[in-house]
Protein backbone atom coordinates (compact mmCIF):
# COMPACT_ATOMS: atom_id res chain seq x y z
CA MET A 1 137.99 87.51 113.55
CA ARG A 2 135.18 90.13 113.11
CA LEU A 3 132.34 90.99 115.03
CA ASP A 4 129.03 90.76 112.89
CA HIS A 5 126.35 91.67 115.37
CA VAL A 6 125.07 91.28 118.96
CA SER A 7 121.78 89.65 119.51
CA TYR A 8 119.41 90.74 122.50
CA ALA A 9 116.38 88.27 123.20
CA VAL A 10 113.23 89.22 124.78
CA ALA A 11 109.73 87.88 125.17
CA ARG A 12 107.00 88.60 122.60
CA ASP A 13 105.16 90.93 125.14
CA SER A 14 108.24 93.27 125.40
CA PHE A 15 109.47 92.95 121.98
CA VAL A 16 108.28 96.22 120.81
CA SER A 17 109.01 98.18 123.96
CA THR A 18 112.46 96.97 123.78
CA VAL A 19 113.20 97.87 120.21
CA GLN A 20 111.85 101.62 121.14
CA TRP A 21 113.86 102.08 124.11
CA MET A 22 117.02 100.50 122.63
CA GLY A 23 116.72 102.54 119.49
CA SER A 24 116.26 105.64 121.39
CA ALA A 25 119.44 104.92 123.55
CA LEU A 26 121.37 104.28 120.40
CA GLY A 27 120.29 107.25 118.24
CA GLY A 28 118.64 105.24 115.45
CA GLY A 29 115.25 103.70 114.41
CA PHE A 30 115.37 99.96 114.32
CA VAL A 31 114.05 98.32 110.93
CA ASP A 32 111.82 95.13 110.67
CA GLY A 33 114.21 92.32 109.81
CA GLY A 34 111.54 89.82 109.12
CA VAL A 35 110.85 86.24 110.13
CA HIS A 36 113.25 83.26 110.33
CA PRO A 37 110.92 80.38 109.26
CA ARG A 38 113.37 77.80 110.11
CA PHE A 39 114.14 78.96 113.51
CA GLY A 40 110.39 80.07 114.77
CA THR A 41 111.90 83.67 115.35
CA ARG A 42 111.62 87.29 114.02
CA ASN A 43 113.82 90.28 114.71
CA PHE A 44 114.33 93.98 114.24
CA ILE A 45 117.75 95.26 113.46
CA LEU A 46 119.82 98.31 113.78
CA PRO A 47 122.68 98.82 111.33
CA LEU A 48 125.48 100.75 112.83
CA SER A 49 128.39 102.47 111.53
CA GLY A 50 131.49 100.45 111.54
CA GLY A 51 129.97 97.16 109.85
CA THR A 52 128.08 95.70 112.72
CA TYR A 53 124.53 95.76 113.82
CA VAL A 54 122.14 95.08 116.92
CA GLU A 55 119.36 92.63 116.69
CA VAL A 56 116.55 92.39 118.99
CA VAL A 57 114.85 88.90 118.67
CA THR A 58 111.87 87.08 119.85
CA THR A 59 110.16 83.80 119.23
CA LEU A 60 107.13 83.15 117.23
CA ASP A 61 104.13 80.92 118.30
CA HIS A 62 105.39 78.29 115.85
CA PRO A 63 106.74 74.65 116.34
CA ALA A 64 110.06 75.53 114.85
CA ALA A 65 110.71 77.74 117.96
CA ASP A 66 110.85 74.63 120.00
CA ARG A 67 112.91 72.41 117.53
CA ALA A 68 115.54 74.94 116.36
CA PRO A 69 118.47 75.55 118.51
CA PHE A 70 118.26 79.36 117.89
CA GLY A 71 114.61 79.32 118.73
CA GLN A 72 115.51 77.41 121.92
CA ALA A 73 118.25 79.65 122.72
CA VAL A 74 116.04 82.72 122.32
CA ALA A 75 113.20 81.28 124.39
CA ARG A 76 115.37 80.37 127.19
CA ARG A 77 117.04 83.91 127.44
CA ALA A 78 113.47 85.42 127.14
CA ALA A 79 112.20 83.07 130.05
CA GLU A 80 115.01 84.35 132.13
CA GLY A 81 113.88 87.87 131.80
CA GLY A 82 115.71 88.86 128.41
CA GLY A 83 118.92 90.33 127.86
CA TRP A 84 121.97 89.78 125.64
CA LEU A 85 121.65 86.41 123.92
CA GLY A 86 125.32 86.40 122.57
CA TRP A 87 127.78 87.72 120.17
CA VAL A 88 128.19 86.68 116.49
CA VAL A 89 131.48 86.53 114.44
CA SER A 90 131.30 86.40 110.64
CA VAL A 91 133.89 84.22 108.54
CA ASP A 92 134.31 84.16 104.95
CA ASP A 93 134.52 80.42 104.80
CA ILE A 94 132.69 78.38 107.68
CA ALA A 95 134.18 75.08 106.52
CA PRO A 96 137.24 75.30 108.76
CA VAL A 97 134.89 75.95 111.74
CA GLU A 98 132.52 72.97 110.71
CA ALA A 99 135.81 70.75 110.65
CA ARG A 100 136.86 72.09 114.10
CA LEU A 101 133.42 71.38 115.65
CA GLY A 102 132.96 68.14 113.73
CA ARG A 103 129.59 68.72 112.15
CA THR A 104 127.83 70.94 109.21
CA SER A 105 126.29 74.36 109.73
CA ALA A 106 122.72 75.06 109.52
CA GLU A 107 121.36 77.20 106.85
CA GLY A 108 119.06 79.93 107.72
CA HIS A 109 117.25 82.70 105.80
CA ARG A 110 114.57 85.38 106.42
CA VAL A 111 112.59 87.35 103.87
CA ARG A 112 112.87 91.08 104.38
CA PRO A 113 109.81 93.15 104.13
CA ASP A 114 111.25 94.18 100.89
CA GLY A 115 111.10 90.95 99.48
CA PHE A 116 114.60 90.01 99.36
CA ASP A 117 115.64 86.57 100.49
CA LEU A 118 118.67 86.87 103.07
CA ARG A 119 120.49 83.77 103.42
CA TRP A 120 123.36 82.73 105.61
CA LYS A 121 124.88 79.51 107.10
CA GLN A 122 125.66 79.47 110.87
CA ILE A 123 127.11 76.96 113.56
CA GLY A 124 127.83 77.10 117.14
CA LEU A 125 124.40 77.49 118.73
CA LEU A 126 124.71 74.10 120.38
CA GLU A 127 127.92 75.35 122.06
CA LEU A 128 126.33 78.86 123.05
CA MET A 129 123.60 76.89 124.87
CA GLU A 130 125.98 74.71 126.83
CA ASP A 131 128.28 77.81 127.54
CA PRO A 132 126.86 81.18 127.02
CA GLN A 133 130.06 82.86 127.01
CA LEU A 134 131.06 81.55 123.56
CA PRO A 135 129.99 83.09 120.40
CA TYR A 136 128.44 81.37 117.24
CA PHE A 137 129.76 81.69 113.79
CA LEU A 138 128.04 82.86 110.58
CA GLN A 139 128.90 83.03 106.86
CA TRP A 140 126.93 85.25 104.55
CA LEU A 141 125.54 83.78 101.36
CA VAL A 142 124.54 87.10 99.83
CA PRO A 143 126.55 90.12 98.62
CA MET A 144 128.03 92.68 101.14
CA GLU A 145 125.55 95.32 99.90
CA GLU A 146 122.62 93.15 100.93
CA ARG A 147 123.94 92.18 104.43
CA PRO A 148 122.13 93.80 107.40
CA SER A 149 125.27 96.08 108.21
CA ALA A 150 125.50 97.53 104.79
CA ASP A 151 123.24 100.47 105.28
CA PRO A 152 124.01 102.20 108.66
CA ARG A 153 120.95 104.09 110.23
CA THR A 154 123.13 105.88 112.79
CA SER A 155 126.63 107.03 113.45
CA THR A 156 126.79 104.82 116.63
CA THR A 157 129.39 102.20 116.73
CA ILE A 158 130.17 99.45 119.02
CA GLN A 159 133.36 100.07 121.09
CA GLY A 160 133.68 97.00 123.04
CA VAL A 161 131.88 94.15 124.88
CA SER A 162 132.32 92.81 128.23
CA ILE A 163 132.18 89.09 128.68
CA ALA A 164 132.00 87.06 131.85
CA GLY A 165 133.94 83.67 130.97
CA ASP A 166 137.45 82.36 130.32
CA ALA A 167 139.47 84.15 127.86
CA ALA A 168 141.62 81.10 127.11
CA SER A 169 138.48 78.95 126.30
CA ILE A 170 137.11 81.60 123.97
CA ALA A 171 140.47 82.16 122.26
CA GLU A 172 140.62 78.38 121.69
CA PHE A 173 137.05 78.27 120.29
CA LEU A 174 137.78 81.15 118.13
CA GLY A 175 141.17 80.12 117.13
CA GLU A 176 142.22 83.65 117.99
CA PRO A 177 144.76 85.17 120.68
CA ALA A 178 143.09 85.78 124.03
CA ASP A 179 144.48 89.25 124.33
CA HIS A 180 142.67 90.53 121.19
CA PRO A 181 140.04 87.92 119.88
CA LEU A 182 138.25 90.57 117.59
CA ASP A 183 139.52 93.06 115.07
CA GLN A 184 138.49 96.65 116.03
CA ILE A 185 136.39 95.79 119.20
CA ASP A 186 137.70 95.88 122.62
CA VAL A 187 136.87 92.73 124.51
CA THR A 188 136.89 93.10 128.41
CA TRP A 189 136.71 90.15 130.63
CA VAL A 190 134.59 90.51 133.80
CA GLU A 191 133.34 88.38 136.66
CA ASP A 192 129.76 87.57 136.95
CA GLU A 193 127.59 85.07 138.30
CA GLU A 194 126.67 83.69 134.90
CA PRO A 195 128.94 83.30 131.95
CA GLY A 196 127.91 85.10 128.68
CA LEU A 197 127.82 88.58 127.06
CA VAL A 198 127.30 91.03 129.83
CA SER A 199 127.28 94.43 128.23
CA VAL A 200 128.16 96.18 124.98
CA GLU A 201 129.71 99.54 125.03
CA PHE A 202 128.53 102.07 122.36
CA ALA A 203 129.84 105.21 121.07
CA THR A 204 127.03 107.58 120.15
CA ALA A 205 126.65 111.21 119.07
CA ARG A 206 125.52 111.92 122.59
CA GLY A 207 128.43 110.20 124.30
CA PRO A 208 129.01 106.76 125.44
CA VAL A 209 126.07 104.26 126.09
CA THR A 210 126.45 100.84 127.91
CA ILE A 211 123.56 98.23 127.45
């Protein structure tokens, strides 16, 4: 199971400043990812070395943000003061995950500033909203070279993630062993008042950085 990206949600009034300080901390400039019209959100992304990326996302003043699970999840995290929304794993075929969860995935897309229509399927947002320790799943519907992680803008990599939650529950949800749920990424289980993604550990050219 491969980590695709980590998502950081903020309110609209702190969107730009968050993108700036996180880019400075991680040694790379974020790029405008565009608008998610079906979810009522928009993002900036930082493609990292190692095939992952960081997303900073906020809601739009749009009805879809109130209807779509992703928009609702972003709005709720932003209302709590902002921070890590969750972690996302990519799969080559989302059908087995749909069968396990008992429903079909939602299709998403955003048009990049260069005009390319980036498309994918995702599932698991409802579970994330109920239990923030859980990831959600994504299957890209575009070639590898068009995916957000295809063109790294920094040598920074994600070394590990710290999650407050129950290892056995997450392992069952992923269908992966509890002691190593992600390929090439260390997962540390920590205690916290609230379950969820607590921090992400990065290796940068200036040394380790934890956000």
